[in-house]
Amino acid sequence: MAIVLLLATGLGMVWLAGGFSQVRWNVHAMLAIGLAMMAIYVYIRLAPSPRLLHAVATRAWPVAAANLDTIRKLVGANLLLGTAVFALATAGAR
C-alpha cells in the first residue's frame, strides 16, 4: 500500500507542477530509480521470498540460505538506489 501511495503522491506533485515537461531532470531520474526499486521489490515478493518460505517449511536449509542471500543482496541494492534518490532530491532543491 505504501508503494502505491508513494507513486500516486509523486505523480500528483508532478501533475501540480505542470507535468513532466515542467519538472527538472532530477525528478525524471527519481521516477526511473523509484520504478526500478518497485520492480526489485515485486521480484523479491514473487520469486525468492516464496522459495525461501517453502525451503524453511521443508527444512531445506541450503536452499533457504541461498534464497535469503539473494534477498539480502536485492535489499542492499534497493538501499543504494534509495540513497541515490535522496541525493537526487537534495541536488534538485532550489
PDB file of N, CA and C in Angstrom:
ATOM      1  N   MET A   1       0.828  -1.193   0.000  1.00  0.00           N
ATOM      2  CA  MET A   1       0.000   0.000   0.000  1.00  0.00           C
ATOM      3  C   MET A   1       0.868   1.251   0.000  1.00  0.00           C
ATOM      4  N   ALA A   2       1.973   1.208   0.740  1.00  0.00           N
ATOM      5  CA  ALA A   2       2.842   2.382   0.817  1.00  0.00           C
ATOM      6  C   ALA A   2       3.449   2.699  -0.545  1.00  0.00           C
ATOM      7  N   ILE A   3       3.779   1.679  -1.320  1.00  0.00           N
ATOM      8  CA  ILE A   3       4.367   1.904  -2.644  1.00  0.00           C
ATOM      9  C   ILE A   3       3.361   2.608  -3.548  1.00  0.00           C
ATOM     10  N   VAL A   4       2.124   2.169  -3.526  1.00  0.00           N
ATOM     11  CA  VAL A   4       1.076   2.787  -4.348  1.00  0.00           C
ATOM     12  C   VAL A   4       0.874   4.241  -3.918  1.00  0.00           C
ATOM     13  N   LEU A   5       0.830   4.484  -2.629  1.00  0.00           N
ATOM     14  CA  LEU A   5       0.649   5.841  -2.120  1.00  0.00           C
ATOM     15  C   LEU A   5       1.829   6.736  -2.505  1.00  0.00           C
ATOM     16  N   LEU A   6       3.029   6.217  -2.399  1.00  0.00           N
ATOM     17  CA  LEU A   6       4.215   6.982  -2.750  1.00  0.00           C
ATOM     18  C   LEU A   6       4.204   7.350  -4.234  1.00  0.00           C
ATOM     19  N   LEU A   7       3.887   6.397  -5.095  1.00  0.00           N
ATOM     20  CA  LEU A   7       3.831   6.662  -6.524  1.00  0.00           C
ATOM     21  C   LEU A   7       2.716   7.657  -6.853  1.00  0.00           C
ATOM     22  N   ALA A   8       1.557   7.484  -6.243  1.00  0.00           N
ATOM     23  CA  ALA A   8       0.431   8.374  -6.516  1.00  0.00           C
ATOM     24  C   ALA A   8       0.722   9.809  -6.070  1.00  0.00           C
ATOM     25  N   THR A   9       1.303   9.974  -4.902  1.00  0.00           N
ATOM     26  CA  THR A   9       1.589  11.335  -4.439  1.00  0.00           C
ATOM     27  C   THR A   9       2.698  11.977  -5.271  1.00  0.00           C
ATOM     28  N   GLY A  10       3.692  11.202  -5.660  1.00  0.00           N
ATOM     29  CA  GLY A  10       4.758  11.743  -6.510  1.00  0.00           C
ATOM     30  C   GLY A  10       4.230  12.186  -7.858  1.00  0.00           C
ATOM     31  N   LEU A  11       3.414  11.346  -8.488  1.00  0.00           N
ATOM     32  CA  LEU A  11       2.821  11.717  -9.767  1.00  0.00           C
ATOM     33  C   LEU A  11       1.871  12.899  -9.611  1.00  0.00           C
ATOM     34  N   GLY A  12       1.176  12.962  -8.482  1.00  0.00           N
ATOM     35  CA  GLY A  12       0.303  14.117  -8.212  1.00  0.00           C
ATOM     36  C   GLY A  12       1.096  15.405  -8.104  1.00  0.00           C
ATOM     37  N   MET A  13       2.258  15.350  -7.472  1.00  0.00           N
ATOM     38  CA  MET A  13       3.106  16.540  -7.365  1.00  0.00           C
ATOM     39  C   MET A  13       3.625  16.969  -8.744  1.00  0.00           C
ATOM     40  N   VAL A  14       3.967  16.009  -9.584  1.00  0.00           N
ATOM     41  CA  VAL A  14       4.406  16.329 -10.948  1.00  0.00           C
ATOM     42  C   VAL A  14       3.256  16.967 -11.717  1.00  0.00           C
ATOM     43  N   TRP A  15       2.065  16.421 -11.565  1.00  0.00           N
ATOM     44  CA  TRP A  15       0.890  16.976 -12.244  1.00  0.00           C
ATOM     45  C   TRP A  15       0.636  18.412 -11.792  1.00  0.00           C
ATOM     46  N   LEU A  16       0.733  18.672 -10.481  1.00  0.00           N
ATOM     47  CA  LEU A  16       0.528  20.028  -9.964  1.00  0.00           C
ATOM     48  C   LEU A  16       1.601  21.001 -10.458  1.00  0.00           C
ATOM     49  N   ALA A  17       2.789  20.482 -10.761  1.00  0.00           N
ATOM     50  CA  ALA A  17       3.875  21.321 -11.268  1.00  0.00           C
ATOM     51  C   ALA A  17       3.709  21.611 -12.762  1.00  0.00           C
ATOM     52  N   GLY A  18       2.751  20.971 -13.408  1.00  0.00           N
ATOM     53  CA  GLY A  18       2.517  21.214 -14.823  1.00  0.00           C
ATOM     54  C   GLY A  18       2.897  20.068 -15.731  1.00  0.00           C
ATOM     55  N   GLY A  19       3.228  18.934 -15.153  1.00  0.00           N
ATOM     56  CA  GLY A  19       3.567  17.756 -15.942  1.00  0.00           C
ATOM     57  C   GLY A  19       5.068  17.544 -16.027  1.00  0.00           C
ATOM     58  N   PHE A  20       5.433  16.444 -16.670  1.00  0.00           N
ATOM     59  CA  PHE A  20       6.844  16.082 -16.745  1.00  0.00           C
ATOM     60  C   PHE A  20       7.666  17.069 -17.568  1.00  0.00           C
ATOM     61  N   SER A  21       7.027  17.793 -18.460  1.00  0.00           N
ATOM     62  CA  SER A  21       7.771  18.768 -19.251  1.00  0.00           C
ATOM     63  C   SER A  21       8.186  19.982 -18.420  1.00  0.00           C
ATOM     64  N   GLN A  22       7.593  20.143 -17.260  1.00  0.00           N
ATOM     65  CA  GLN A  22       7.870  21.305 -16.424  1.00  0.00           C
ATOM     66  C   GLN A  22       8.772  21.022 -15.227  1.00  0.00           C
ATOM     67  N   VAL A  23       9.108  19.786 -15.004  1.00  0.00           N
ATOM     68  CA  VAL A  23       9.945  19.447 -13.844  1.00  0.00           C
ATOM     69  C   VAL A  23      11.391  19.252 -14.283  1.00  0.00           C
ATOM     70  N   ARG A  24      12.286  19.352 -13.332  1.00  0.00           N
ATOM     71  CA  ARG A  24      13.708  19.259 -13.622  1.00  0.00           C
ATOM     72  C   ARG A  24      14.129  17.810 -13.885  1.00  0.00           C
ATOM     73  N   TRP A  25      15.345  17.661 -14.394  1.00  0.00           N
ATOM     74  CA  TRP A  25      15.908  16.360 -14.761  1.00  0.00           C
ATOM     75  C   TRP A  25      15.937  15.398 -13.579  1.00  0.00           C
ATOM     76  N   ASN A  26      16.163  15.927 -12.374  1.00  0.00           N
ATOM     77  CA  ASN A  26      16.287  15.039 -11.224  1.00  0.00           C
ATOM     78  C   ASN A  26      14.961  14.343 -10.897  1.00  0.00           C
ATOM     79  N   VAL A  27      13.846  14.972 -11.211  1.00  0.00           N
ATOM     80  CA  VAL A  27      12.541  14.340 -10.968  1.00  0.00           C
ATOM     81  C   VAL A  27      12.371  13.141 -11.897  1.00  0.00           C
ATOM     82  N   HIS A  28      12.792  13.283 -13.134  1.00  0.00           N
ATOM     83  CA  HIS A  28      12.744  12.165 -14.078  1.00  0.00           C
ATOM     84  C   HIS A  28      13.631  11.021 -13.590  1.00  0.00           C
ATOM     85  N   ALA A  29      14.826  11.368 -13.107  1.00  0.00           N
ATOM     86  CA  ALA A  29      15.755  10.348 -12.604  1.00  0.00           C
ATOM     87  C   ALA A  29      15.184   9.664 -11.363  1.00  0.00           C
ATOM     88  N   MET A  30      14.568  10.443 -10.478  1.00  0.00           N
ATOM     89  CA  MET A  30      13.982   9.848  -9.269  1.00  0.00           C
ATOM     90  C   MET A  30      12.856   8.888  -9.628  1.00  0.00           C
ATOM     91  N   LEU A  31      12.046   9.245 -10.624  1.00  0.00           N
ATOM     92  CA  LEU A  31      10.971   8.355 -11.054  1.00  0.00           C
ATOM     93  C   LEU A  31      11.542   7.058 -11.620  1.00  0.00           C
ATOM     94  N   ALA A  32      12.553   7.170 -12.462  1.00  0.00           N
ATOM     95  CA  ALA A  32      13.145   5.973 -13.061  1.00  0.00           C
ATOM     96  C   ALA A  32      13.733   5.061 -11.993  1.00  0.00           C
ATOM     97  N   ILE A  33      14.469   5.633 -11.058  1.00  0.00           N
ATOM     98  CA  ILE A  33      15.062   4.822  -9.993  1.00  0.00           C
ATOM     99  C   ILE A  33      13.970   4.240  -9.100  1.00  0.00           C
ATOM    100  N   GLY A  34      12.949   5.031  -8.811  1.00  0.00           N
ATOM    101  CA  GLY A  34      11.836   4.537  -7.995  1.00  0.00           C
ATOM    102  C   GLY A  34      11.126   3.364  -8.646  1.00  0.00           C
ATOM    103  N   LEU A  35      10.934   3.430  -9.959  1.00  0.00           N
ATOM    104  CA  LEU A  35      10.309   2.310 -10.670  1.00  0.00           C
ATOM    105  C   LEU A  35      11.190   1.067 -10.622  1.00  0.00           C
ATOM    106  N   ALA A  36      12.498   1.267 -10.743  1.00  0.00           N
ATOM    107  CA  ALA A  36      13.426   0.133 -10.622  1.00  0.00           C
ATOM    108  C   ALA A  36      13.340  -0.474  -9.224  1.00  0.00           C
ATOM    109  N   MET A  37      13.253   0.368  -8.209  1.00  0.00           N
ATOM    110  CA  MET A  37      13.138  -0.129  -6.834  1.00  0.00           C
ATOM    111  C   MET A  37      11.852  -0.924  -6.644  1.00  0.00           C
ATOM    112  N   MET A  38      10.767  -0.433  -7.244  1.00  0.00           N
ATOM    113  CA  MET A  38       9.495  -1.150  -7.153  1.00  0.00           C
ATOM    114  C   MET A  38       9.589  -2.510  -7.842  1.00  0.00           C
ATOM    115  N   ALA A  39      10.251  -2.547  -8.984  1.00  0.00           N
ATOM    116  CA  ALA A  39      10.421  -3.812  -9.713  1.00  0.00           C
ATOM    117  C   ALA A  39      11.235  -4.807  -8.891  1.00  0.00           C
ATOM    118  N   ILE A  40      12.272  -4.325  -8.230  1.00  0.00           N
ATOM    119  CA  ILE A  40      13.075  -5.203  -7.369  1.00  0.00           C
ATOM    120  C   ILE A  40      12.220  -5.754  -6.239  1.00  0.00           C
ATOM    121  N   TYR A  41      11.397  -4.902  -5.623  1.00  0.00           N
ATOM    122  CA  TYR A  41      10.526  -5.345  -4.536  1.00  0.00           C
ATOM    123  C   TYR A  41       9.550  -6.417  -5.023  1.00  0.00           C
ATOM    124  N   VAL A  42       8.927  -6.167  -6.166  1.00  0.00           N
ATOM    125  CA  VAL A  42       7.969  -7.145  -6.708  1.00  0.00           C
ATOM    126  C   VAL A  42       8.679  -8.463  -7.007  1.00  0.00           C
ATOM    127  N   TYR A  43       9.874  -8.393  -7.568  1.00  0.00           N
ATOM    128  CA  TYR A  43      10.630  -9.609  -7.843  1.00  0.00           C
ATOM    129  C   TYR A  43      10.913 -10.386  -6.556  1.00  0.00           C
ATOM    130  N   ILE A  44      11.324  -9.668  -5.508  1.00  0.00           N
ATOM    131  CA  ILE A  44      11.593 -10.334  -4.228  1.00  0.00           C
ATOM    132  C   ILE A  44      10.347 -11.056  -3.736  1.00  0.00           C
ATOM    133  N   ARG A  45       9.216 -10.376  -3.803  1.00  0.00           N
ATOM    134  CA  ARG A  45       7.970 -10.964  -3.295  1.00  0.00           C
ATOM    135  C   ARG A  45       7.497 -12.157  -4.128  1.00  0.00           C
ATOM    136  N   LEU A  46       7.799 -12.149  -5.425  1.00  0.00           N
ATOM    137  CA  LEU A  46       7.288 -13.209  -6.301  1.00  0.00           C
ATOM    138  C   LEU A  46       8.245 -14.366  -6.503  1.00  0.00           C
ATOM    139  N   ALA A  47       9.527 -14.170  -6.319  1.00  0.00           N
ATOM    140  CA  ALA A  47      10.470 -15.246  -6.620  1.00  0.00           C
ATOM    141  C   ALA A  47      11.211 -15.759  -5.381  1.00  0.00           C
ATOM    142  N   PRO A  48      12.209 -15.060  -4.862  1.00  0.00           N
ATOM    143  CA  PRO A  48      12.987 -15.672  -3.778  1.00  0.00           C
ATOM    144  C   PRO A  48      12.236 -15.793  -2.454  1.00  0.00           C
ATOM    145  N   SER A  49      11.310 -14.897  -2.173  1.00  0.00           N
ATOM    146  CA  SER A  49      10.598 -14.978  -0.896  1.00  0.00           C
ATOM    147  C   SER A  49       9.748 -16.246  -0.777  1.00  0.00           C
ATOM    148  N   PRO A  50       8.902 -16.569  -1.764  1.00  0.00           N
ATOM    149  CA  PRO A  50       8.157 -17.832  -1.662  1.00  0.00           C
ATOM    150  C   PRO A  50       9.066 -19.061  -1.628  1.00  0.00           C
ATOM    151  N   ARG A  51      10.162 -19.009  -2.390  1.00  0.00           N
ATOM    152  CA  ARG A  51      11.100 -20.138  -2.360  1.00  0.00           C
ATOM    153  C   ARG A  51      11.740 -20.275  -0.984  1.00  0.00           C
ATOM    154  N   LEU A  52      12.054 -19.139  -0.361  1.00  0.00           N
ATOM    155  CA  LEU A  52      12.617 -19.164   0.998  1.00  0.00           C
ATOM    156  C   LEU A  52      11.625 -19.784   1.977  1.00  0.00           C
ATOM    157  N   LEU A  53      10.386 -19.347   1.929  1.00  0.00           N
ATOM    158  CA  LEU A  53       9.365 -19.880   2.846  1.00  0.00           C
ATOM    159  C   LEU A  53       9.170 -21.378   2.643  1.00  0.00           C
ATOM    160  N   HIS A  54       9.158 -21.795   1.391  1.00  0.00           N
ATOM    161  CA  HIS A  54       8.995 -23.228   1.120  1.00  0.00           C
ATOM    162  C   HIS A  54      10.202 -24.015   1.627  1.00  0.00           C
ATOM    163  N   ALA A  55      11.393 -23.484   1.402  1.00  0.00           N
ATOM    164  CA  ALA A  55      12.607 -24.176   1.851  1.00  0.00           C
ATOM    165  C   ALA A  55      12.653 -24.287   3.370  1.00  0.00           C
ATOM    166  N   VAL A  56      12.226 -23.254   4.073  1.00  0.00           N
ATOM    167  CA  VAL A  56      12.200 -23.307   5.540  1.00  0.00           C
ATOM    168  C   VAL A  56      11.161 -24.320   6.001  1.00  0.00           C
ATOM    169  N   ALA A  57       9.999 -24.325   5.357  1.00  0.00           N
ATOM    170  CA  ALA A  57       8.943 -25.267   5.739  1.00  0.00           C
ATOM    171  C   ALA A  57       9.377 -26.719   5.545  1.00  0.00           C
ATOM    172  N   THR A  58      10.198 -26.958   4.528  1.00  0.00           N
ATOM    173  CA  THR A  58      10.656 -28.326   4.260  1.00  0.00           C
ATOM    174  C   THR A  58      12.040 -28.604   4.854  1.00  0.00           C
ATOM    175  N   ARG A  59      12.543 -27.636   5.588  1.00  0.00           N
ATOM    176  CA  ARG A  59      13.858 -27.737   6.247  1.00  0.00           C
ATOM    177  C   ARG A  59      15.000 -27.986   5.262  1.00  0.00           C
ATOM    178  N   ALA A  60      14.885 -27.383   4.098  1.00  0.00           N
ATOM    179  CA  ALA A  60      15.950 -27.444   3.090  1.00  0.00           C
ATOM    180  C   ALA A  60      16.853 -26.230   3.315  1.00  0.00           C
ATOM    181  N   TRP A  61      17.694 -26.319   4.317  1.00  0.00           N
ATOM    182  CA  TRP A  61      18.463 -25.166   4.784  1.00  0.00           C
ATOM    183  C   TRP A  61      19.416 -24.582   3.744  1.00  0.00           C
ATOM    184  N   PRO A  62      20.118 -25.374   2.949  1.00  0.00           N
ATOM    185  CA  PRO A  62      20.980 -24.756   1.928  1.00  0.00           C
ATOM    186  C   PRO A  62      20.185 -23.931   0.893  1.00  0.00           C
ATOM    187  N   VAL A  63      19.025 -24.447   0.511  1.00  0.00           N
ATOM    188  CA  VAL A  63      18.169 -23.712  -0.429  1.00  0.00           C
ATOM    189  C   VAL A  63      17.644 -22.444   0.235  1.00  0.00           C
ATOM    190  N   ALA A  64      17.250 -22.546   1.490  1.00  0.00           N
ATOM    191  CA  ALA A  64      16.777 -21.371   2.234  1.00  0.00           C
ATOM    192  C   ALA A  64      17.880 -20.327   2.338  1.00  0.00           C
ATOM    193  N   ALA A  65      19.085 -20.774   2.634  1.00  0.00           N
ATOM    194  CA  ALA A  65      20.213 -19.844   2.763  1.00  0.00           C
ATOM    195  C   ALA A  65      20.493 -19.137   1.445  1.00  0.00           C
ATOM    196  N   ALA A  66      20.431 -19.858   0.347  1.00  0.00           N
ATOM    197  CA  ALA A  66      20.684 -19.257  -0.960  1.00  0.00           C
ATOM    198  C   ALA A  66      19.640 -18.203  -1.299  1.00  0.00           C
ATOM    199  N   ASN A  67      18.385 -18.498  -1.003  1.00  0.00           N
ATOM    200  CA  ASN A  67      17.325 -17.530  -1.285  1.00  0.00           C
ATOM    201  C   ASN A  67      17.407 -16.328  -0.351  1.00  0.00           C
ATOM    202  N   LEU A  68      17.770 -16.560   0.891  1.00  0.00           N
ATOM    203  CA  LEU A  68      17.938 -15.449   1.832  1.00  0.00           C
ATOM    204  C   LEU A  68      19.092 -14.557   1.394  1.00  0.00           C
ATOM    205  N   ASP A  69      20.163 -15.157   0.867  1.00  0.00           N
ATOM    206  CA  ASP A  69      21.284 -14.370   0.372  1.00  0.00           C
ATOM    207  C   ASP A  69      20.866 -13.522  -0.828  1.00  0.00           C
ATOM    208  N   THR A  70      20.059 -14.087  -1.703  1.00  0.00           N
ATOM    209  CA  THR A  70      19.549 -13.328  -2.848  1.00  0.00           C
ATOM    210  C   THR A  70      18.718 -12.141  -2.376  1.00  0.00           C
ATOM    211  N   ILE A  71      17.847 -12.377  -1.408  1.00  0.00           N
ATOM    212  CA  ILE A  71      17.017 -11.299  -0.872  1.00  0.00           C
ATOM    213  C   ILE A  71      17.896 -10.233  -0.234  1.00  0.00           C
ATOM    214  N   ARG A  72      18.910 -10.646   0.506  1.00  0.00           N
ATOM    215  CA  ARG A  72      19.813  -9.694   1.164  1.00  0.00           C
ATOM    216  C   ARG A  72      20.490  -8.796   0.143  1.00  0.00           C
ATOM    217  N   LYS A  73      20.967  -9.381  -0.940  1.00  0.00           N
ATOM    218  CA  LYS A  73      21.640  -8.598  -1.980  1.00  0.00           C
ATOM    219  C   LYS A  73      20.680  -7.627  -2.663  1.00  0.00           C
ATOM    220  N   LEU A  74      19.471  -8.082  -2.941  1.00  0.00           N
ATOM    221  CA  LEU A  74      18.489  -7.214  -3.597  1.00  0.00           C
ATOM    222  C   LEU A  74      18.040  -6.076  -2.681  1.00  0.00           C
ATOM    223  N   VAL A  75      17.876  -6.363  -1.401  1.00  0.00           N
ATOM    224  CA  VAL A  75      17.529  -5.302  -0.442  1.00  0.00           C
ATOM    225  C   VAL A  75      18.676  -4.302  -0.333  1.00  0.00           C
ATOM    226  N   GLY A  76      19.905  -4.790  -0.371  1.00  0.00           N
ATOM    227  CA  GLY A  76      21.065  -3.898  -0.370  1.00  0.00           C
ATOM    228  C   GLY A  76      21.087  -3.009  -1.602  1.00  0.00           C
ATOM    229  N   ALA A  77      20.767  -3.581  -2.758  1.00  0.00           N
ATOM    230  CA  ALA A  77      20.697  -2.785  -3.984  1.00  0.00           C
ATOM    231  C   ALA A  77      19.613  -1.721  -3.871  1.00  0.00           C
ATOM    232  N   ASN A  78      18.472  -2.079  -3.302  1.00  0.00           N
ATOM    233  CA  ASN A  78      17.397  -1.103  -3.110  1.00  0.00           C
ATOM    234  C   ASN A  78      17.823  -0.003  -2.140  1.00  0.00           C
ATOM    235  N   LEU A  79      18.586  -0.359  -1.139  1.00  0.00           N
ATOM    236  CA  LEU A  79      19.084   0.651  -0.197  1.00  0.00           C
ATOM    237  C   LEU A  79      19.992   1.645  -0.917  1.00  0.00           C
ATOM    238  N   LEU A  80      20.880   1.149  -1.765  1.00  0.00           N
ATOM    239  CA  LEU A  80      21.753   2.035  -2.532  1.00  0.00           C
ATOM    240  C   LEU A  80      20.952   2.911  -3.496  1.00  0.00           C
ATOM    241  N   LEU A  81      19.967   2.320  -4.147  1.00  0.00           N
ATOM    242  CA  LEU A  81      19.119   3.102  -5.044  1.00  0.00           C
ATOM    243  C   LEU A  81      18.329   4.164  -4.278  1.00  0.00           C
ATOM    244  N   GLY A  82      17.853   3.818  -3.103  1.00  0.00           N
ATOM    245  CA  GLY A  82      17.139   4.798  -2.274  1.00  0.00           C
ATOM    246  C   GLY A  82      18.037   5.945  -1.851  1.00  0.00           C
ATOM    247  N   THR A  83      19.293   5.641  -1.571  1.00  0.00           N
ATOM    248  CA  THR A  83      20.256   6.685  -1.234  1.00  0.00           C
ATOM    249  C   THR A  83      20.482   7.596  -2.438  1.00  0.00           C
ATOM    250  N   ALA A  84      20.524   7.005  -3.627  1.00  0.00           N
ATOM    251  CA  ALA A  84      20.674   7.808  -4.846  1.00  0.00           C
ATOM    252  C   ALA A  84      19.471   8.723  -5.051  1.00  0.00           C
ATOM    253  N   VAL A  85      18.274   8.222  -4.779  1.00  0.00           N
ATOM    254  CA  VAL A  85      17.068   9.053  -4.902  1.00  0.00           C
ATOM    255  C   VAL A  85      17.138  10.220  -3.923  1.00  0.00           C
ATOM    256  N   PHE A  86      17.579   9.947  -2.703  1.00  0.00           N
ATOM    257  CA  PHE A  86      17.722  11.015  -1.702  1.00  0.00           C
ATOM    258  C   PHE A  86      18.717  12.067  -2.190  1.00  0.00           C
ATOM    259  N   ALA A  87      19.828  11.617  -2.746  1.00  0.00           N
ATOM    260  CA  ALA A  87      20.835  12.553  -3.266  1.00  0.00           C
ATOM    261  C   ALA A  87      20.272  13.374  -4.413  1.00  0.00           C
ATOM    262  N   LEU A  88      19.512  12.754  -5.302  1.00  0.00           N
ATOM    263  CA  LEU A  88      18.889  13.489  -6.406  1.00  0.00           C
ATOM    264  C   LEU A  88      17.878  14.503  -5.902  1.00  0.00           C
ATOM    265  N   ALA A  89      17.131  14.135  -4.870  1.00  0.00           N
ATOM    266  CA  ALA A  89      16.136  15.059  -4.322  1.00  0.00           C
ATOM    267  C   ALA A  89      16.813  16.279  -3.714  1.00  0.00           C
ATOM    268  N   THR A  90      17.905  16.070  -3.007  1.00  0.00           N
ATOM    269  CA  THR A  90      18.598  17.212  -2.390  1.00  0.00           C
ATOM    270  C   THR A  90      19.366  18.014  -3.441  1.00  0.00           C
ATOM    271  N   ALA A  91      19.849  17.355  -4.509  1.00  0.00           N
ATOM    272  CA  ALA A  91      20.552  18.066  -5.576  1.00  0.00           C
ATOM    273  C   ALA A  91      19.604  18.976  -6.341  1.00  0.00           C
ATOM    274  N   GLY A  92      18.359  18.580  -6.417  1.00  0.00           N
ATOM    275  CA  GLY A  92      17.384  19.363  -7.171  1.00  0.00           C
ATOM    276  C   GLY A  92      16.684  20.424  -6.363  1.00  0.00           C
ATOM    277  N   ALA A  93      16.985  20.507  -5.065  1.00  0.00           N
ATOM    278  CA  ALA A  93      16.342  21.525  -4.224  1.00  0.00           C
ATOM    279  C   ALA A  93      16.748  22.904  -4.709  1.00  0.00           C
ATOM    280  N   ARG A  94      15.801  23.790  -4.718  1.00  0.00           N
ATOM    281  CA  ARG A  94      16.072  25.130  -5.235  1.00  0.00           C
ATOM    282  C   ARG A  94      16.522  26.055  -4.150  1.00  0.00           C
TER     283      ARG A  94
END
